[in-house]
Protein backbone atom coordinates (compact mmCIF):
# COMPACT_ATOMS: atom_id res chain seq x y z
CA MET A 1 -40.96 16.26 -28.52
CA ASN A 2 -43.28 13.17 -28.76
CA LYS A 3 -43.40 10.58 -25.88
CA LYS A 4 -41.28 7.99 -27.84
CA SER A 5 -38.23 10.33 -28.13
CA VAL A 6 -38.48 11.26 -24.59
CA ILE A 7 -38.59 7.47 -23.57
CA LYS A 8 -35.76 6.71 -25.83
CA GLU A 9 -33.46 9.61 -24.70
CA VAL A 10 -34.27 8.56 -20.98
CA MET A 11 -33.08 4.67 -21.76
CA ASP A 12 -29.76 6.25 -23.75
CA TRP A 13 -29.05 7.93 -20.58
CA ILE A 14 -30.01 5.07 -18.29
CA LEU A 15 -27.74 2.89 -20.51
CA VAL A 16 -24.69 5.32 -20.41
CA LEU A 17 -25.04 5.17 -16.65
CA VAL A 18 -25.13 1.55 -16.44
CA ILE A 19 -22.20 1.10 -18.63
CA ALA A 20 -19.99 3.73 -16.51
CA ALA A 21 -21.01 2.19 -13.47
CA PHE A 22 -20.08 -1.01 -14.53
CA ILE A 23 -16.90 -0.05 -15.82
CA ALA A 24 -15.97 1.92 -12.55
CA ILE A 25 -16.83 -1.27 -10.68
CA VAL A 26 -14.60 -3.44 -12.71
CA ILE A 27 -11.46 -0.83 -12.70
CA ASN A 28 -12.08 -0.19 -8.89
CA ASN A 29 -12.07 -3.87 -8.12
CA PHE A 30 -9.67 -5.47 -10.54
CA VAL A 31 -7.05 -2.81 -11.59
CA ILE A 32 -6.80 -0.13 -9.05
CA VAL A 33 -6.98 0.32 -5.26
CA ASN A 34 -7.90 3.65 -3.56
CA CYS A 35 -6.49 4.47 -0.03
CA VAL A 36 -6.74 7.17 2.38
CA VAL A 37 -3.56 7.55 4.81
CA PRO A 38 -4.77 7.88 8.37
CA SER A 39 -1.91 8.55 10.29
CA ALA A 40 1.82 10.13 9.98
CA SER A 41 3.61 6.35 9.76
CA MET A 42 4.75 7.00 6.11
CA GLU A 43 5.89 10.79 6.54
CA GLN A 44 7.76 12.34 4.52
CA THR A 45 6.55 10.03 1.84
CA ILE A 46 3.23 10.31 2.36
CA MET A 47 1.54 12.51 4.58
CA THR A 48 -1.58 12.20 6.78
CA GLY A 49 -4.68 12.80 4.85
CA ASP A 50 -3.23 12.03 1.56
CA ARG A 51 -4.94 9.91 -0.82
CA ALA A 52 -3.33 7.42 -3.01
CA ILE A 53 -3.86 5.16 -5.62
CA GLY A 54 -2.36 1.25 -6.15
CA PHE A 55 -2.13 -0.69 -9.09
CA ARG A 56 -3.64 -4.04 -8.29
CA LEU A 57 -2.10 -6.04 -11.36
CA ALA A 58 1.45 -4.60 -10.66
CA TYR A 59 2.37 -8.03 -8.71
CA LEU A 60 0.33 -10.38 -11.35
CA PHE A 61 3.73 -11.72 -12.88
CA ASP A 62 6.23 -9.78 -10.60
CA ASP A 63 7.02 -10.03 -7.06
CA PRO A 64 7.50 -7.13 -4.77
CA GLU A 65 10.71 -5.62 -4.67
CA ARG A 66 12.60 -4.16 -1.79
CA GLY A 67 11.59 -0.58 -1.33
CA ASP A 68 8.30 -0.89 -3.16
CA ILE A 69 5.39 0.98 -1.27
CA VAL A 70 2.38 -1.31 -1.29
CA ILE A 71 -1.33 -1.31 -0.13
CA PHE A 72 -2.03 -4.63 1.83
CA LYS A 73 -4.65 -6.27 4.09
CA TYR A 74 -3.34 -5.47 7.64
CA PRO A 75 -2.43 -8.85 9.15
CA ASP A 76 -4.02 -8.18 12.55
CA ASP A 77 -7.47 -7.24 10.74
CA GLU A 78 -7.89 -8.04 7.17
CA ASN A 79 -10.60 -5.68 6.78
CA VAL A 80 -8.15 -2.97 6.97
CA LEU A 81 -5.90 -1.89 4.14
CA TYR A 82 -2.51 -0.57 5.30
CA ILE A 83 0.19 1.36 2.96
CA LYS A 84 3.84 0.77 4.05
CA ARG A 85 7.27 0.16 2.45
CA VAL A 86 8.56 -3.39 1.88
CA ILE A 87 11.66 -3.85 3.97
CA GLY A 88 12.23 -7.67 4.25
CA MET A 89 12.17 -10.11 1.70
CA PRO A 90 11.42 -13.72 2.12
CA GLY A 91 14.23 -15.44 3.41
CA ASP A 92 15.78 -12.20 4.99
CA THR A 93 17.02 -11.43 8.34
CA VAL A 94 16.11 -7.78 9.24
CA GLU A 95 17.33 -6.07 12.49
CA LEU A 96 17.10 -2.48 13.55
CA LYS A 97 20.03 -1.49 15.71
CA ASP A 98 20.14 1.85 17.09
CA GLY A 99 17.76 3.56 14.38
CA ILE A 100 20.15 1.58 11.51
CA LEU A 101 18.49 -0.86 9.51
CA TYR A 102 20.35 -4.17 8.76
CA ILE A 103 19.45 -6.42 6.29
CA ASN A 104 20.87 -9.91 6.19
CA GLY A 105 23.88 -8.52 8.42
CA GLU A 106 24.67 -5.57 5.78
CA GLU A 107 23.69 -2.12 6.89
CA TYR A 108 20.99 -0.75 4.36
CA THR A 109 20.94 2.75 3.30
CA GLU A 110 17.38 4.42 3.37
CA ASP A 111 17.12 8.14 2.03
CA TYR A 112 13.47 8.16 2.48
CA LEU A 113 13.19 8.40 6.18
CA GLY A 114 11.00 11.12 7.89
CA SER A 115 12.44 10.41 11.05
CA ILE A 116 14.27 7.64 12.66
CA ASP A 117 13.36 5.35 15.87
CA MET A 118 16.76 5.08 17.75
CA ASN A 119 15.55 2.18 19.36
CA SER A 120 16.54 -1.66 18.44
CA TYR A 121 14.36 -4.30 17.10
CA GLY A 122 14.72 -7.79 15.80
CA PRO A 123 16.26 -9.77 14.36
CA TYR A 124 13.22 -10.85 12.22
CA LYS A 125 13.43 -13.78 9.89
CA VAL A 126 11.40 -13.17 7.26
CA PRO A 127 9.11 -16.45 6.51
CA ASP A 128 9.18 -17.68 2.79
CA ASP A 129 6.11 -16.06 0.93
CA SER A 130 6.12 -12.96 3.53
CA TYR A 131 7.30 -9.77 3.36
CA LEU A 132 8.48 -7.61 6.64
CA MET A 133 6.65 -4.00 6.26
CA LEU A 134 7.99 -0.76 7.53
CA GLY A 135 6.77 2.99 7.82
CA ASP A 136 9.04 5.79 6.61
CA ASN A 137 8.19 7.73 9.89
CA ARG A 138 10.07 4.93 12.29
CA ALA A 139 9.19 6.81 15.09
CA ASN A 140 5.89 7.22 14.76
CA SER A 141 4.69 4.06 12.58
CA LYS A 142 2.66 1.06 13.86
CA ASP A 143 4.37 -1.68 11.53
CA SER A 144 5.58 -5.33 11.25
CA ARG A 145 7.60 -4.38 14.66
CA PHE A 146 4.42 -4.16 16.69
CA TRP A 147 1.97 -6.20 15.01
CA ASN A 148 1.06 -9.69 16.49
CA HIS A 149 1.36 -11.28 13.20
CA THR A 150 4.49 -9.65 12.31
CA TYR A 151 4.49 -10.58 8.53
CA VAL A 152 2.22 -9.85 5.25
CA SER A 153 2.10 -12.83 3.49
CA ARG A 154 2.46 -12.55 -0.53
CA ASP A 155 -1.57 -13.14 -1.11
CA LYS A 156 -2.49 -10.38 1.07
CA ILE A 157 -0.69 -7.73 -0.93
CA VAL A 158 -3.61 -5.94 -2.85
CA GLY A 159 -1.24 -3.51 -5.05
CA LYS A 160 1.75 -1.14 -5.44
CA ALA A 161 1.32 2.27 -4.72
CA LEU A 162 1.91 4.52 -7.51
CA PHE A 163 0.84 8.04 -6.60
CA LYS A 164 -0.74 10.29 -4.33
CA TYR A 165 -3.74 12.27 -5.77
CA TRP A 166 -4.66 14.50 -3.07
CA PRO A 167 -4.27 17.18 -1.94
CA SER A 168 -1.31 17.31 -4.77
CA PHE A 169 -0.30 14.57 -7.58
CA THR A 170 2.95 13.29 -6.83
CA LYS A 171 4.52 10.13 -7.95
CA LEU A 172 5.67 7.36 -5.52
């Protein structure tokens, strides 16, 4: 192999690596968001240590819906990403009484709960363009009920959680 063909081969590999890195950066910053779940707040849906992928473009043309699991900037420290379930929509009044969730005065059935916190919280009047987030493991979740800034504004939602990929693959 002559010197010119070795240099060409090295340059071809460098070009492939640069293109791959560029594509990975674009996908990670504009298409998906990766998160590691550090606590038990979403158990039994998402377990401690699970890794999940969210789709950043999910809410480009649509708004989050009640029941969506979303990844968002934690209102008390926007450098931290949280993953919780959307419970309160803009304009809703949300209240928990003895472990039962009421939205706008109506009992709301939740079949995904890991554990129930039998305490009472609220009522919370969700502001326009904001959401109330709760964990599925209510007895062990530091969620909107306990934050200094109770609500997550629409522009702080990073993406919709689609699936867990570690330690096993599961659609959310």
